[in-house]
PDB file of all heavy atoms in Angstrom:
ATOM      1  N   ASN A   1      25.599 -41.866 -11.369  1.00  0.00           N
ATOM      2  CA  ASN A   1      24.299 -41.686 -10.724  1.00  0.00           C
ATOM      3  C   ASN A   1      24.007 -42.784  -9.703  1.00  0.00           C
ATOM      4  O   ASN A   1      23.435 -42.517  -8.651  1.00  0.00           O
ATOM      5  CB  ASN A   1      23.173 -41.664 -11.762  1.00  0.00           C
ATOM      6  CG  ASN A   1      23.160 -40.418 -12.591  1.00  0.00           C
ATOM      7  OD1 ASN A   1      23.729 -39.405 -12.207  1.00  0.00           O
ATOM      8  ND2 ASN A   1      22.512 -40.482 -13.745  1.00  0.00           N
ATOM      9  N   GLY A   2      24.383 -44.007 -10.029  1.00  0.00           N
ATOM     10  CA  GLY A   2      24.112 -45.126  -9.127  1.00  0.00           C
ATOM     11  C   GLY A   2      24.813 -44.971  -7.792  1.00  0.00           C
ATOM     12  O   GLY A   2      24.236 -45.250  -6.741  1.00  0.00           O
ATOM     13  N   PHE A   3      26.069 -44.511  -7.832  1.00  0.00           N
ATOM     14  CA  PHE A   3      26.777 -44.292  -6.572  1.00  0.00           C
ATOM     15  C   PHE A   3      26.157 -43.126  -5.826  1.00  0.00           C
ATOM     16  O   PHE A   3      26.005 -43.180  -4.606  1.00  0.00           O
ATOM     17  CB  PHE A   3      28.272 -44.057  -6.797  1.00  0.00           C
ATOM     18  CG  PHE A   3      29.009 -43.842  -5.510  1.00  0.00           C
ATOM     19  CD1 PHE A   3      29.219 -44.902  -4.633  1.00  0.00           C
ATOM     20  CD2 PHE A   3      29.438 -42.577  -5.132  1.00  0.00           C
ATOM     21  CE1 PHE A   3      29.866 -44.714  -3.416  1.00  0.00           C
ATOM     22  CE2 PHE A   3      30.088 -42.369  -3.920  1.00  0.00           C
ATOM     23  CZ  PHE A   3      30.301 -43.438  -3.062  1.00  0.00           C
ATOM     24  N   GLY A   4      25.767 -42.074  -6.537  1.00  0.00           N
ATOM     25  CA  GLY A   4      25.098 -40.942  -5.895  1.00  0.00           C
ATOM     26  C   GLY A   4      23.801 -41.356  -5.222  1.00  0.00           C
ATOM     27  O   GLY A   4      23.508 -40.940  -4.095  1.00  0.00           O
ATOM     28  N   ILE A   5      23.030 -42.197  -5.885  1.00  0.00           N
ATOM     29  CA  ILE A   5      21.794 -42.719  -5.300  1.00  0.00           C
ATOM     30  C   ILE A   5      22.133 -43.531  -4.054  1.00  0.00           C
ATOM     31  O   ILE A   5      21.470 -43.417  -3.021  1.00  0.00           O
ATOM     32  CB  ILE A   5      21.025 -43.570  -6.334  1.00  0.00           C
ATOM     33  CG1 ILE A   5      20.491 -42.681  -7.464  1.00  0.00           C
ATOM     34  CG2 ILE A   5      19.887 -44.351  -5.668  1.00  0.00           C
ATOM     35  CD1 ILE A   5      20.010 -43.433  -8.688  1.00  0.00           C
ATOM     36  N   SER A   6      23.179 -44.323  -4.135  1.00  0.00           N
ATOM     37  CA  SER A   6      23.601 -45.147  -2.996  1.00  0.00           C
ATOM     38  C   SER A   6      24.007 -44.279  -1.804  1.00  0.00           C
ATOM     39  O   SER A   6      23.663 -44.595  -0.659  1.00  0.00           O
ATOM     40  CB  SER A   6      24.776 -46.045  -3.388  1.00  0.00           C
ATOM     41  OG  SER A   6      24.408 -46.905  -4.437  1.00  0.00           O
ATOM     42  N   GLU A   7      24.734 -43.197  -2.067  1.00  0.00           N
ATOM     43  CA  GLU A   7      25.147 -42.300  -0.982  1.00  0.00           C
ATOM     44  C   GLU A   7      23.942 -41.719  -0.249  1.00  0.00           C
ATOM     45  O   GLU A   7      23.898 -41.699   0.985  1.00  0.00           O
ATOM     46  CB  GLU A   7      25.993 -41.149  -1.526  1.00  0.00           C
ATOM     47  CG  GLU A   7      27.422 -41.516  -1.819  1.00  0.00           C
ATOM     48  CD  GLU A   7      28.224 -40.304  -2.239  1.00  0.00           C
ATOM     49  OE1 GLU A   7      27.867 -39.659  -3.238  1.00  0.00           O
ATOM     50  OE2 GLU A   7      29.220 -40.008  -1.540  1.00  0.00           O
ATOM     51  N   VAL A   8      22.961 -41.247  -0.992  1.00  0.00           N
ATOM     52  CA  VAL A   8      21.769 -40.666  -0.372  1.00  0.00           C
ATOM     53  C   VAL A   8      20.976 -41.736   0.371  1.00  0.00           C
ATOM     54  O   VAL A   8      20.552 -41.531   1.517  1.00  0.00           O
ATOM     55  CB  VAL A   8      20.890 -39.955  -1.428  1.00  0.00           C
ATOM     56  CG1 VAL A   8      19.551 -39.561  -0.836  1.00  0.00           C
ATOM     57  CG2 VAL A   8      21.615 -38.748  -1.996  1.00  0.00           C
ATOM     58  N   CYS A   9      20.795 -42.878  -0.255  1.00  0.00           N
ATOM     59  CA  CYS A   9      20.003 -43.948   0.362  1.00  0.00           C
ATOM     60  C   CYS A   9      20.668 -44.510   1.609  1.00  0.00           C
ATOM     61  O   CYS A   9      19.990 -45.002   2.514  1.00  0.00           O
ATOM     62  CB  CYS A   9      19.726 -45.050  -0.647  1.00  0.00           C
ATOM     63  SG  CYS A   9      18.561 -44.525  -1.929  1.00  0.00           S
ATOM     64  N   CYS A  10      21.984 -44.412   1.669  1.00  0.00           N
ATOM     65  CA  CYS A  10      22.719 -44.905   2.829  1.00  0.00           C
ATOM     66  C   CYS A  10      22.324 -44.138   4.098  1.00  0.00           C
ATOM     67  O   CYS A  10      22.423 -44.666   5.196  1.00  0.00           O
ATOM     68  CB  CYS A  10      24.212 -44.793   2.572  1.00  0.00           C
ATOM     69  SG  CYS A  10      25.184 -46.038   3.428  1.00  0.00           S
ATOM     70  N   GLU A  11      21.851 -42.927   3.933  1.00  0.00           N
ATOM     71  CA  GLU A  11      21.411 -42.134   5.076  1.00  0.00           C
ATOM     72  C   GLU A  11      20.103 -42.663   5.668  1.00  0.00           C
ATOM     73  O   GLU A  11      19.821 -42.436   6.838  1.00  0.00           O
ATOM     74  CB  GLU A  11      21.214 -40.671   4.658  1.00  0.00           C
ATOM     75  CG  GLU A  11      22.489 -39.975   4.254  1.00  0.00           C
ATOM     76  CD  GLU A  11      22.228 -38.545   3.804  1.00  0.00           C
ATOM     77  OE1 GLU A  11      21.279 -37.919   4.313  1.00  0.00           O
ATOM     78  OE2 GLU A  11      22.985 -38.063   2.951  1.00  0.00           O
ATOM     79  N   TYR A  12      19.304 -43.351   4.854  1.00  0.00           N
ATOM     80  CA  TYR A  12      17.964 -43.735   5.266  1.00  0.00           C
ATOM     81  C   TYR A  12      17.757 -45.231   5.463  1.00  0.00           C
ATOM     82  O   TYR A  12      17.006 -45.644   6.331  1.00  0.00           O
ATOM     83  CB  TYR A  12      16.937 -43.227   4.243  1.00  0.00           C
ATOM     84  CG  TYR A  12      16.975 -41.726   4.103  1.00  0.00           C
ATOM     85  CD1 TYR A  12      17.659 -41.119   3.062  1.00  0.00           C
ATOM     86  CD2 TYR A  12      16.354 -40.919   5.045  1.00  0.00           C
ATOM     87  CE1 TYR A  12      17.697 -39.744   2.936  1.00  0.00           C
ATOM     88  CE2 TYR A  12      16.394 -39.540   4.932  1.00  0.00           C
ATOM     89  CZ  TYR A  12      17.072 -38.957   3.873  1.00  0.00           C
ATOM     90  OH  TYR A  12      17.124 -37.596   3.764  1.00  0.00           O
ATOM     91  N   PHE A  13      18.391 -46.043   4.615  1.00  0.00           N
ATOM     92  CA  PHE A  13      18.181 -47.489   4.652  1.00  0.00           C
ATOM     93  C   PHE A  13      19.238 -48.163   5.512  1.00  0.00           C
ATOM     94  O   PHE A  13      20.385 -47.747   5.552  1.00  0.00           O
ATOM     95  CB  PHE A  13      18.248 -48.074   3.234  1.00  0.00           C
ATOM     96  CG  PHE A  13      17.069 -47.726   2.375  1.00  0.00           C
ATOM     97  CD1 PHE A  13      17.006 -46.514   1.702  1.00  0.00           C
ATOM     98  CD2 PHE A  13      16.014 -48.614   2.234  1.00  0.00           C
ATOM     99  CE1 PHE A  13      15.928 -46.185   0.896  1.00  0.00           C
ATOM    100  CE2 PHE A  13      14.931 -48.291   1.438  1.00  0.00           C
ATOM    101  CZ  PHE A  13      14.885 -47.073   0.768  1.00  0.00           C
ATOM    102  N   ARG A  14      18.860 -49.221   6.168  1.00  0.00           N
ATOM    103  CA  ARG A  14      19.779 -49.995   7.012  1.00  0.00           C
ATOM    104  C   ARG A  14      20.668 -50.903   6.171  1.00  0.00           C
ATOM    105  O   ARG A  14      21.844 -51.077   6.444  1.00  0.00           O
ATOM    106  CB  ARG A  14      18.977 -50.823   8.016  1.00  0.00           C
ATOM    107  CG  ARG A  14      19.809 -51.771   8.848  1.00  0.00           C
ATOM    108  CD  ARG A  14      20.301 -51.110  10.103  1.00  0.00           C
ATOM    109  NE  ARG A  14      20.994 -52.071  10.927  1.00  0.00           N
ATOM    110  CZ  ARG A  14      22.239 -51.894  11.322  1.00  0.00           C
ATOM    111  NH1 ARG A  14      22.884 -50.813  11.018  1.00  0.00           N
ATOM    112  NH2 ARG A  14      22.828 -52.796  12.064  1.00  0.00           N
ATOM    113  N   ASN A  15      20.067 -51.519   5.149  1.00  0.00           N
ATOM    114  CA  ASN A  15      20.769 -52.501   4.324  1.00  0.00           C
ATOM    115  C   ASN A  15      20.774 -52.050   2.874  1.00  0.00           C
ATOM    116  O   ASN A  15      19.728 -51.724   2.318  1.00  0.00           O
ATOM    117  CB  ASN A  15      20.074 -53.867   4.396  1.00  0.00           C
ATOM    118  CG  ASN A  15      19.923 -54.353   5.813  1.00  0.00           C
ATOM    119  OD1 ASN A  15      20.885 -54.431   6.555  1.00  0.00           O
ATOM    120  ND2 ASN A  15      18.696 -54.671   6.201  1.00  0.00           N
ATOM    121  N   LEU A  16      21.958 -52.061   2.270  1.00  0.00           N
ATOM    122  CA  LEU A  16      22.104 -51.715   0.864  1.00  0.00           C
ATOM    123  C   LEU A  16      22.691 -52.898   0.106  1.00  0.00           C
ATOM    124  O   LEU A  16      23.630 -53.547   0.584  1.00  0.00           O
ATOM    125  CB  LEU A  16      23.022 -50.509   0.680  1.00  0.00           C
ATOM    126  CG  LEU A  16      22.423 -49.141   0.962  1.00  0.00           C
ATOM    127  CD1 LEU A  16      22.395 -48.862   2.438  1.00  0.00           C
ATOM    128  CD2 LEU A  16      23.180 -48.070   0.214  1.00  0.00           C
ATOM    129  N   ILE A  17      22.125 -53.138  -1.070  1.00  0.00           N
ATOM    130  CA  ILE A  17      22.653 -54.152  -1.977  1.00  0.00           C
ATOM    131  C   ILE A  17      23.083 -53.402  -3.234  1.00  0.00           C
ATOM    132  O   ILE A  17      22.248 -52.819  -3.930  1.00  0.00           O
ATOM    133  CB  ILE A  17      21.590 -55.210  -2.335  1.00  0.00           C
ATOM    134  CG1 ILE A  17      21.036 -55.870  -1.072  1.00  0.00           C
ATOM    135  CG2 ILE A  17      22.176 -56.243  -3.297  1.00  0.00           C
ATOM    136  CD1 ILE A  17      19.762 -56.681  -1.315  1.00  0.00           C
ATOM    137  N   LEU A  18      24.378 -53.383  -3.488  1.00  0.00           N
ATOM    138  CA  LEU A  18      24.925 -52.673  -4.633  1.00  0.00           C
ATOM    139  C   LEU A  18      25.241 -53.685  -5.732  1.00  0.00           C
ATOM    140  O   LEU A  18      25.940 -54.663  -5.487  1.00  0.00           O
ATOM    141  CB  LEU A  18      26.191 -51.916  -4.244  1.00  0.00           C
ATOM    142  CG  LEU A  18      26.116 -51.022  -3.000  1.00  0.00           C
ATOM    143  CD1 LEU A  18      27.459 -50.352  -2.748  1.00  0.00           C
ATOM    144  CD2 LEU A  18      25.003 -50.002  -3.122  1.00  0.00           C
ATOM    145  N   VAL A  19      24.729 -53.429  -6.923  1.00  0.00           N
ATOM    146  CA  VAL A  19      24.915 -54.338  -8.055  1.00  0.00           C
ATOM    147  C   VAL A  19      25.555 -53.565  -9.204  1.00  0.00           C
ATOM    148  O   VAL A  19      25.135 -52.453  -9.520  1.00  0.00           O
ATOM    149  CB  VAL A  19      23.559 -54.926  -8.511  1.00  0.00           C
ATOM    150  CG1 VAL A  19      23.735 -55.818  -9.730  1.00  0.00           C
ATOM    151  CG2 VAL A  19      22.879 -55.679  -7.365  1.00  0.00           C
ATOM    152  N   ASP A  20      26.578 -54.158  -9.809  1.00  0.00           N
ATOM    153  CA  ASP A  20      27.236 -53.523 -10.952  1.00  0.00           C
ATOM    154  C   ASP A  20      28.109 -54.565 -11.639  1.00  0.00           C
ATOM    155  O   ASP A  20      28.479 -55.572 -11.034  1.00  0.00           O
ATOM    156  CB  ASP A  20      28.101 -52.342 -10.488  1.00  0.00           C
ATOM    157  CG  ASP A  20      28.328 -51.310 -11.566  1.00  0.00           C
ATOM    158  OD1 ASP A  20      29.027 -51.600 -12.556  1.00  0.00           O
ATOM    159  OD2 ASP A  20      27.797 -50.191 -11.419  1.00  0.00           O
ATOM    160  N   ILE A  21      28.457 -54.295 -12.874  1.00  0.00           N
ATOM    161  CA  ILE A  21      29.374 -55.170 -13.608  1.00  0.00           C
ATOM    162  C   ILE A  21      30.823 -54.908 -13.187  1.00  0.00           C
ATOM    163  O   ILE A  21      31.692 -55.751 -13.340  1.00  0.00           O
ATOM    164  CB  ILE A  21      29.207 -54.982 -15.137  1.00  0.00           C
ATOM    165  CG1 ILE A  21      29.936 -56.087 -15.899  1.00  0.00           C
ATOM    166  CG2 ILE A  21      29.636 -53.586 -15.573  1.00  0.00           C
ATOM    167  CD1 ILE A  21      29.662 -56.079 -17.388  1.00  0.00           C
ATOM    168  N   ASP A  22      31.088 -53.727 -12.635  1.00  0.00           N
ATOM    169  CA  ASP A  22      32.434 -53.267 -12.270  1.00  0.00           C
ATOM    170  C   ASP A  22      32.794 -53.727 -10.846  1.00  0.00           C
ATOM    171  O   ASP A  22      32.468 -53.059  -9.870  1.00  0.00           O
ATOM    172  CB  ASP A  22      32.483 -51.745 -12.383  1.00  0.00           C
ATOM    173  CG  ASP A  22      33.835 -51.151 -12.045  1.00  0.00           C
ATOM    174  OD1 ASP A  22      34.774 -51.898 -11.686  1.00  0.00           O
ATOM    175  OD2 ASP A  22      33.948 -49.905 -12.130  1.00  0.00           O
ATOM    176  N   LYS A  23      33.483 -54.855 -10.762  1.00  0.00           N
ATOM    177  CA  LYS A  23      33.826 -55.445  -9.461  1.00  0.00           C
ATOM    178  C   LYS A  23      34.703 -54.515  -8.621  1.00  0.00           C
ATOM    179  O   LYS A  23      34.469 -54.327  -7.427  1.00  0.00           O
ATOM    180  CB  LYS A  23      34.523 -56.792  -9.663  1.00  0.00           C
ATOM    181  CG  LYS A  23      34.714 -57.591  -8.402  1.00  0.00           C
ATOM    182  CD  LYS A  23      35.278 -58.970  -8.716  1.00  0.00           C
ATOM    183  CE  LYS A  23      35.275 -59.834  -7.491  1.00  0.00           C
ATOM    184  NZ  LYS A  23      35.647 -61.218  -7.785  1.00  0.00           N
ATOM    185  N   ASP A  24      35.722 -53.927  -9.228  1.00  0.00           N
ATOM    186  CA  ASP A  24      36.605 -53.014  -8.512  1.00  0.00           C
ATOM    187  C   ASP A  24      35.837 -51.760  -8.076  1.00  0.00           C
ATOM    188  O   ASP A  24      36.023 -51.261  -6.970  1.00  0.00           O
ATOM    189  CB  ASP A  24      37.804 -52.645  -9.380  1.00  0.00           C
ATOM    190  CG  ASP A  24      38.859 -51.872  -8.605  1.00  0.00           C
ATOM    191  OD1 ASP A  24      39.252 -52.326  -7.507  1.00  0.00           O
ATOM    192  OD2 ASP A  24      39.283 -50.809  -9.098  1.00  0.00           O
ATOM    193  N   GLY A  25      34.986 -51.255  -8.955  1.00  0.00           N
ATOM    194  CA  GLY A  25      34.160 -50.099  -8.614  1.00  0.00           C
ATOM    195  C   GLY A  25      33.222 -50.391  -7.455  1.00  0.00           C
ATOM    196  O   GLY A  25      33.000 -49.533  -6.591  1.00  0.00           O
ATOM    197  N   LEU A  26      32.670 -51.593  -7.407  1.00  0.00           N
ATOM    198  CA  LEU A  26      31.805 -51.995  -6.286  1.00  0.00           C
ATOM    199  C   LEU A  26      32.583 -52.004  -4.967  1.00  0.00           C
ATOM    200  O   LEU A  26      32.085 -51.534  -3.944  1.00  0.00           O
ATOM    201  CB  LEU A  26      31.212 -53.385  -6.530  1.00  0.00           C
ATOM    202  CG  LEU A  26      30.011 -53.478  -7.445  1.00  0.00           C
ATOM    203  CD1 LEU A  26      29.669 -54.939  -7.724  1.00  0.00           C
ATOM    204  CD2 LEU A  26      28.808 -52.750  -6.870  1.00  0.00           C
ATOM    205  N   ARG A  27      33.794 -52.541  -5.032  1.00  0.00           N
ATOM    206  CA  ARG A  27      34.629 -52.582  -3.827  1.00  0.00           C
ATOM    207  C   ARG A  27      34.898 -51.170  -3.310  1.00  0.00           C
ATOM    208  O   ARG A  27      34.757 -50.891  -2.123  1.00  0.00           O
ATOM    209  CB  ARG A  27      35.939 -53.318  -4.121  1.00  0.00           C
ATOM    210  CG  ARG A  27      36.863 -53.488  -2.905  1.00  0.00           C
ATOM    211  CD  ARG A  27      38.215 -54.076  -3.291  1.00  0.00           C
ATOM    212  NE  ARG A  27      38.904 -53.382  -4.364  1.00  0.00           N
ATOM    213  CZ  ARG A  27      39.523 -52.201  -4.241  1.00  0.00           C
ATOM    214  NH1 ARG A  27      39.538 -51.572  -3.086  1.00  0.00           N
ATOM    215  NH2 ARG A  27      40.130 -51.637  -5.278  1.00  0.00           N
ATOM    216  N   LYS A  28      35.252 -50.277  -4.228  1.00  0.00           N
ATOM    217  CA  LYS A  28      35.524 -48.888  -3.843  1.00  0.00           C
ATOM    218  C   LYS A  28      34.272 -48.200  -3.316  1.00  0.00           C
ATOM    219  O   LYS A  28      34.331 -47.468  -2.322  1.00  0.00           O
ATOM    220  CB  LYS A  28      36.087 -48.114  -5.036  1.00  0.00           C
ATOM    221  CG  LYS A  28      37.490 -48.533  -5.419  1.00  0.00           C
ATOM    222  CD  LYS A  28      37.956 -47.814  -6.674  1.00  0.00           C
ATOM    223  CE  LYS A  28      39.335 -48.309  -7.095  1.00  0.00           C
ATOM    224  NZ  LYS A  28      39.761 -47.721  -8.373  1.00  0.00           N
ATOM    225  N   ALA A  29      33.146 -48.429  -3.964  1.00  0.00           N
ATOM    226  CA  ALA A  29      31.886 -47.829  -3.517  1.00  0.00           C
ATOM    227  C   ALA A  29      31.530 -48.311  -2.114  1.00  0.00           C
ATOM    228  O   ALA A  29      31.165 -47.507  -1.246  1.00  0.00           O
ATOM    229  CB  ALA A  29      30.759 -48.165  -4.496  1.00  0.00           C
ATOM    230  N   LYS A  30      31.667 -49.612  -1.891  1.00  0.00           N
ATOM    231  CA  LYS A  30      31.364 -50.160  -0.568  1.00  0.00           C
ATOM    232  C   LYS A  30      32.289 -49.556   0.481  1.00  0.00           C
ATOM    233  O   LYS A  30      31.834 -49.193   1.577  1.00  0.00           O
ATOM    234  CB  LYS A  30      31.491 -51.683  -0.574  1.00  0.00           C
ATOM    235  CG  LYS A  30      31.193 -52.306   0.781  1.00  0.00           C
ATOM    236  CD  LYS A  30      31.270 -53.808   0.751  1.00  0.00           C
ATOM    237  CE  LYS A  30      30.971 -54.374   2.138  1.00  0.00           C
ATOM    238  NZ  LYS A  30      30.892 -55.839   2.121  1.00  0.00           N
ATOM    239  N   ASN A  31      33.571 -49.457   0.177  1.00  0.00           N
ATOM    240  CA  ASN A  31      34.525 -48.884   1.135  1.00  0.00           C
ATOM    241  C   ASN A  31      34.170 -47.442   1.480  1.00  0.00           C
ATOM    242  O   ASN A  31      34.197 -47.054   2.651  1.00  0.00           O
ATOM    243  CB  ASN A  31      35.954 -48.973   0.603  1.00  0.00           C
ATOM    244  CG  ASN A  31      36.488 -50.394   0.612  1.00  0.00           C
ATOM    245  OD1 ASN A  31      35.963 -51.263   1.297  1.00  0.00           O
ATOM    246  ND2 ASN A  31      37.522 -50.637  -0.167  1.00  0.00           N
ATOM    247  N   LYS A  32      33.865 -46.628   0.480  1.00  0.00           N
ATOM    248  CA  LYS A  32      33.503 -45.231   0.720  1.00  0.00           C
ATOM    249  C   LYS A  32      32.255 -45.129   1.586  1.00  0.00           C
ATOM    250  O   LYS A  32      32.209 -44.342   2.533  1.00  0.00           O
ATOM    251  CB  LYS A  32      33.259 -44.501  -0.605  1.00  0.00           C
ATOM    252  CG  LYS A  32      34.496 -44.164  -1.370  1.00  0.00           C
ATOM    253  CD  LYS A  32      34.122 -43.435  -2.667  1.00  0.00           C
ATOM    254  CE  LYS A  32      35.311 -43.282  -3.575  1.00  0.00           C
ATOM    255  NZ  LYS A  32      34.938 -42.669  -4.863  1.00  0.00           N
ATOM    256  N   LEU A  33      31.244 -45.906   1.238  1.00  0.00           N
ATOM    257  CA  LEU A  33      29.989 -45.854   1.988  1.00  0.00           C
ATOM    258  C   LEU A  33      30.164 -46.379   3.410  1.00  0.00           C
ATOM    259  O   LEU A  33      29.610 -45.827   4.358  1.00  0.00           O
ATOM    260  CB  LEU A  33      28.896 -46.641   1.259  1.00  0.00           C
ATOM    261  CG  LEU A  33      28.441 -46.075  -0.082  1.00  0.00           C
ATOM    262  CD1 LEU A  33      27.500 -47.047  -0.775  1.00  0.00           C
ATOM    263  CD2 LEU A  33      27.796 -44.709   0.080  1.00  0.00           C
ATOM    264  N   SER A  34      30.937 -47.438   3.556  1.00  0.00           N
ATOM    265  CA  SER A  34      31.159 -48.038   4.881  1.00  0.00           C
ATOM    266  C   SER A  34      31.931 -47.113   5.811  1.00  0.00           C
ATOM    267  O   SER A  34      31.679 -47.089   7.013  1.00  0.00           O
ATOM    268  CB  SER A  34      31.901 -49.369   4.751  1.00  0.00           C
ATOM    269  OG  SER A  34      31.112 -50.309   4.065  1.00  0.00           O
ATOM    270  N   MET A  35      32.876 -46.357   5.258  1.00  0.00           N
ATOM    271  CA  MET A  35      33.647 -45.431   6.096  1.00  0.00           C
ATOM    272  C   MET A  35      32.744 -44.346   6.678  1.00  0.00           C
ATOM    273  O   MET A  35      32.889 -43.974   7.833  1.00  0.00           O
ATOM    274  CB  MET A  35      34.789 -44.798   5.292  1.00  0.00           C
ATOM    275  CG  MET A  35      35.939 -45.760   5.080  1.00  0.00           C
ATOM    276  SD  MET A  35      37.485 -45.009   4.487  1.00  0.00           S
ATOM    277  CE  MET A  35      36.975 -43.952   3.188  1.00  0.00           C
ATOM    278  N   LYS A  36      31.816 -43.855   5.894  1.00  0.00           N
ATOM    279  CA  LYS A  36      30.901 -42.806   6.354  1.00  0.00           C
ATOM    280  C   LYS A  36      29.753 -43.359   7.183  1.00  0.00           C
ATOM    281  O   LYS A  36      29.155 -42.638   7.970  1.00  0.00           O
ATOM    282  CB  LYS A  36      30.310 -42.047   5.162  1.00  0.00           C
ATOM    283  CG  LYS A  36      31.288 -41.193   4.417  1.00  0.00           C
ATOM    284  CD  LYS A  36      30.569 -40.471   3.286  1.00  0.00           C
ATOM    285  CE  LYS A  36      31.528 -39.660   2.449  1.00  0.00           C
ATOM    286  NZ  LYS A  36      30.845 -39.032   1.304  1.00  0.00           N
ATOM    287  N   ASN A  37      29.429 -44.635   6.980  1.00  0.00           N
ATOM    288  CA  ASN A  37      28.247 -45.248   7.602  1.00  0.00           C
ATOM    289  C   ASN A  37      28.585 -46.629   8.140  1.00  0.00           C
ATOM    290  O   ASN A  37      28.119 -47.639   7.618  1.00  0.00           O
ATOM    291  CB  ASN A  37      27.121 -45.368   6.570  1.00  0.00           C
ATOM    292  CG  ASN A  37      26.800 -44.062   5.898  1.00  0.00           C
ATOM    293  OD1 ASN A  37      26.101 -43.231   6.459  1.00  0.00           O
ATOM    294  ND2 ASN A  37      27.317 -43.862   4.694  1.00  0.00           N
ATOM    295  N   PRO A  38      29.385 -46.701   9.200  1.00  0.00           N
ATOM    296  CA  PRO A  38      29.840 -48.014   9.683  1.00  0.00           C
ATOM    297  C   PRO A  38      28.723 -48.901  10.237  1.00  0.00           C
ATOM    298  O   PRO A  38      28.910 -50.107  10.351  1.00  0.00           O
ATOM    299  CB  PRO A  38      30.844 -47.653  10.781  1.00  0.00           C
ATOM    300  CG  PRO A  38      30.510 -46.268  11.180  1.00  0.00           C
ATOM    301  CD  PRO A  38      29.918 -45.602   9.985  1.00  0.00           C
ATOM    302  N   ASP A  39      27.578 -48.323  10.543  1.00  0.00           N
ATOM    303  CA  ASP A  39      26.477 -49.099  11.102  1.00  0.00           C
ATOM    304  C   ASP A  39      25.595 -49.746  10.025  1.00  0.00           C
ATOM    305  O   ASP A  39      24.665 -50.485  10.346  1.00  0.00           O
ATOM    306  CB  ASP A  39      25.607 -48.221  11.998  1.00  0.00           C
ATOM    307  CG  ASP A  39      24.992 -47.052  11.243  1.00  0.00           C
ATOM    308  OD1 ASP A  39      25.664 -46.508  10.340  1.00  0.00           O
ATOM    309  OD2 ASP A  39      23.843 -46.690  11.556  1.00  0.00           O
ATOM    310  N   LYS A  40      25.878 -49.505   8.765  1.00  0.00           N
ATOM    311  CA  LYS A  40      25.063 -50.032   7.668  1.00  0.00           C
ATOM    312  C   LYS A  40      25.599 -51.379   7.187  1.00  0.00           C
ATOM    313  O   LYS A  40      26.792 -51.637   7.211  1.00  0.00           O
ATOM    314  CB  LYS A  40      25.040 -49.065   6.479  1.00  0.00           C
ATOM    315  CG  LYS A  40      24.599 -47.664   6.826  1.00  0.00           C
ATOM    316  CD  LYS A  40      23.159 -47.613   7.264  1.00  0.00           C
ATOM    317  CE  LYS A  40      22.790 -46.182   7.641  1.00  0.00           C
ATOM    318  NZ  LYS A  40      21.384 -45.945   7.665  1.00  0.00           N
ATOM    319  N   LYS A  41      24.679 -52.218   6.736  1.00  0.00           N
ATOM    320  CA  LYS A  41      25.066 -53.474   6.088  1.00  0.00           C
ATOM    321  C   LYS A  41      25.057 -53.209   4.588  1.00  0.00           C
ATOM    322  O   LYS A  41      24.019 -52.858   4.023  1.00  0.00           O
ATOM    323  CB  LYS A  41      24.086 -54.594   6.436  1.00  0.00           C
ATOM    324  CG  LYS A  41      24.454 -55.907   5.771  1.00  0.00           C
ATOM    325  CD  LYS A  41      23.448 -57.004   6.069  1.00  0.00           C
ATOM    326  CE  LYS A  41      23.891 -58.270   5.354  1.00  0.00           C
ATOM    327  NZ  LYS A  41      22.781 -59.130   5.019  1.00  0.00           N
ATOM    328  N   ILE A  42      26.216 -53.359   3.966  1.00  0.00           N
ATOM    329  CA  ILE A  42      26.347 -53.097   2.536  1.00  0.00           C
ATOM    330  C   ILE A  42      26.910 -54.347   1.869  1.00  0.00           C
ATOM    331  O   ILE A  42      28.026 -54.764   2.156  1.00  0.00           O
ATOM    332  CB  ILE A  42      27.262 -51.884   2.276  1.00  0.00           C
ATOM    333  CG1 ILE A  42      26.717 -50.645   2.998  1.00  0.00           C
ATOM    334  CG2 ILE A  42      27.411 -51.645   0.779  1.00  0.00           C
ATOM    335  CD1 ILE A  42      27.660 -49.457   3.011  1.00  0.00           C
ATOM    336  N   ASP A  43      26.100 -54.936   1.004  1.00  0.00           N
ATOM    337  CA  ASP A  43      26.532 -56.101   0.235  1.00  0.00           C
ATOM    338  C   ASP A  43      26.716 -55.696  -1.214  1.00  0.00           C
ATOM    339  O   ASP A  43      26.024 -54.803  -1.716  1.00  0.00           O
ATOM    340  CB  ASP A  43      25.486 -57.218   0.303  1.00  0.00           C
ATOM    341  CG  ASP A  43      25.458 -57.897   1.658  1.00  0.00           C
ATOM    342  OD1 ASP A  43      26.500 -57.966   2.329  1.00  0.00           O
ATOM    343  OD2 ASP A  43      24.367 -58.371   2.052  1.00  0.00           O
ATOM    344  N   THR A  44      27.640 -56.350  -1.892  1.00  0.00           N
ATOM    345  CA  THR A  44      27.867 -56.085  -3.311  1.00  0.00           C
ATOM    346  C   THR A  44      27.737 -57.377  -4.105  1.00  0.00           C
ATOM    347  O   THR A  44      28.093 -58.455  -3.621  1.00  0.00           O
ATOM    348  CB  THR A  44      29.252 -55.467  -3.559  1.00  0.00           C
ATOM    349  OG1 THR A  44      30.259 -56.379  -3.128  1.00  0.00           O
ATOM    350  CG2 THR A  44      29.406 -54.135  -2.829  1.00  0.00           C
TER     351      THR A  44
END
């Protein structure tokens, strides 16, 4: 659900801060979101 929320919010917000215990999962989530939304600032 958290990644799904992030995907939708990426359409509207300029800056996303993704927080999770799963470091590898965060890296993958950031990569997926960044590929679709290169103009967004995404921090993990």
